[in-house]
Amino acid sequence: QVQLMESGGGLVQAGGSLKLSCTASGMIFSCNTMGWFRQPPAKEREWVASSPSGGSVVYADSVKGRFTISRDNAKNTLYLQMNSLKPEDTAIYYCAATFHNGVKYWGQGTQVTVSS
């Protein structure tokens, strides 16, 4: 059974930093594309960044240069370092694992709130 558990969300002032973690179980972590998505209040869920297995990381334009996605395959953990946070970064952040057959699994989400 695949499980993804996010942590590290919270309340931070604009310009501050947070680091999110996502720990996976029930899957071969190193073989899958891992990613972060977010859902701002009253908006659709949007993609933030991806870390393909053995490939280059990619970012949404809105976070490029401020966020860094990384993974520790030995710990089955995905990270998202978020710097220079803006109020518009306020959202529920979700970790996702995409398998080679296209099936995607989601974590339960962690709230990030950036105050102005």
Protein backbone atom coordinates (compact mmCIF):
# COMPACT_ATOMS: atom_id res chain seq x y z
CA GLN A 1 0.00 0.00 0.00
CA VAL A 2 1.54 3.27 -1.12
CA GLN A 3 1.54 6.02 1.49
CA LEU A 4 2.90 9.54 1.27
CA MET A 5 3.16 11.73 4.34
CA GLU A 6 3.96 15.43 4.12
CA SER A 7 5.28 17.55 6.96
CA GLY A 8 6.88 20.93 7.53
CA GLY A 9 4.06 23.30 6.70
CA GLY A 10 3.18 26.26 8.87
CA LEU A 11 2.79 30.01 9.13
CA VAL A 12 5.62 32.23 7.95
CA GLN A 13 6.03 35.91 7.12
CA ALA A 14 6.61 37.07 3.58
CA GLY A 15 10.26 36.72 2.67
CA GLY A 16 10.71 33.78 5.00
CA SER A 17 11.52 30.14 4.34
CA LEU A 18 10.04 26.72 4.98
CA LYS A 19 11.17 23.23 4.11
CA LEU A 20 8.58 20.58 3.35
CA SER A 21 9.25 16.86 3.58
CA CYS A 22 7.39 13.91 2.11
CA THR A 23 8.14 10.41 3.31
CA ALA A 24 7.02 7.53 1.14
CA SER A 25 6.32 3.90 1.97
CA GLY A 26 4.99 0.89 0.10
CA MET A 27 6.79 1.75 -3.14
CA ILE A 28 10.22 1.71 -4.75
CA PHE A 29 10.88 5.38 -4.17
CA SER A 30 13.94 5.65 -6.41
CA CYS A 31 12.08 4.37 -9.50
CA ASN A 32 9.31 6.91 -9.62
CA THR A 33 8.76 10.53 -10.49
CA MET A 34 8.09 12.52 -7.36
CA GLY A 35 6.54 15.94 -7.35
CA TRP A 36 4.97 18.75 -5.39
CA PHE A 37 1.63 20.32 -6.15
CA ARG A 38 -0.33 23.00 -4.33
CA GLN A 39 -3.92 24.19 -4.04
CA PRO A 40 -4.39 27.85 -3.12
CA PRO A 41 -7.65 28.86 -1.42
CA ALA A 42 -10.62 28.66 -3.79
CA LYS A 43 -8.39 27.65 -6.71
CA GLU A 44 -7.52 24.50 -8.61
CA ARG A 45 -4.59 22.32 -7.68
CA GLU A 46 -1.45 23.30 -9.59
CA TRP A 47 1.88 21.71 -10.26
CA VAL A 48 4.93 23.18 -8.48
CA ALA A 49 7.95 21.02 -9.21
CA SER A 50 8.97 17.51 -10.25
CA SER A 51 11.93 15.25 -9.62
CA PRO A 52 11.97 12.47 -12.22
CA SER A 53 13.80 9.27 -11.45
CA GLY A 54 17.25 9.81 -12.97
CA GLY A 55 16.20 13.00 -14.71
CA SER A 56 16.47 16.74 -14.27
CA VAL A 57 14.19 18.58 -11.91
CA VAL A 58 11.72 21.04 -13.33
CA TYR A 59 9.80 23.93 -11.80
CA ALA A 60 6.74 26.01 -12.45
CA ASP A 61 7.65 29.53 -13.52
CA SER A 62 5.97 30.95 -10.43
CA VAL A 63 8.47 29.28 -8.09
CA LYS A 64 11.60 29.05 -10.23
CA GLY A 65 14.59 30.53 -8.45
CA ARG A 66 12.86 30.47 -5.05
CA PHE A 67 11.97 26.80 -4.49
CA THR A 68 14.27 23.78 -4.64
CA ILE A 69 13.04 20.21 -4.96
CA SER A 70 15.33 17.40 -3.87
CA ARG A 71 15.11 13.76 -2.93
CA ASP A 72 16.96 11.33 -0.70
CA ASN A 73 16.33 7.90 -2.16
CA ALA A 74 18.01 6.18 0.78
CA LYS A 75 15.46 7.78 3.14
CA ASN A 76 12.49 7.52 0.75
CA THR A 77 12.01 11.24 1.27
CA LEU A 78 11.22 14.14 -1.02
CA TYR A 79 11.88 17.74 0.00
CA LEU A 80 10.81 21.19 -1.06
CA GLN A 81 12.91 24.08 0.18
CA MET A 82 10.89 27.26 -0.18
CA ASN A 83 12.67 30.61 0.10
CA SER A 84 11.55 34.20 -0.43
CA LEU A 85 7.98 33.15 0.25
CA LYS A 86 5.16 35.37 -0.95
CA PRO A 87 1.55 35.61 0.23
CA GLU A 88 0.49 34.07 -3.09
CA ASP A 89 2.40 30.91 -2.12
CA THR A 90 -0.26 30.28 0.52
CA ALA A 91 -1.78 26.88 -0.28
CA ILE A 92 -2.12 23.29 0.76
CA TYR A 93 0.98 21.56 -0.55
CA TYR A 94 0.73 17.97 -1.75
CA CYS A 95 3.35 15.40 -2.48
CA ALA A 96 2.69 13.05 -5.41
CA ALA A 97 4.29 9.90 -6.76
CA THR A 98 3.76 9.01 -10.40
CA PHE A 99 4.42 5.43 -11.41
CA HIS A 100 5.61 4.34 -14.85
CA ASN A 101 2.07 3.19 -15.72
CA GLY A 102 0.79 6.72 -15.08
CA VAL A 103 -0.92 5.98 -11.78
CA LYS A 104 -0.47 8.83 -9.34
CA TYR A 105 -0.61 8.67 -5.56
CA TRP A 106 -1.14 11.67 -3.31
CA GLY A 107 -0.29 12.61 0.23
CA GLN A 108 -2.80 14.21 2.55
CA GLY A 109 -1.31 17.68 2.18
CA THR A 110 0.28 20.22 4.49
CA GLN A 111 -0.85 23.82 4.92
CA VAL A 112 1.53 26.66 4.13
CA THR A 113 0.39 30.16 5.04
CA VAL A 114 2.46 33.22 4.17
CA SER A 115 1.46 36.45 5.88
CA SER A 116 2.15 39.87 4.36
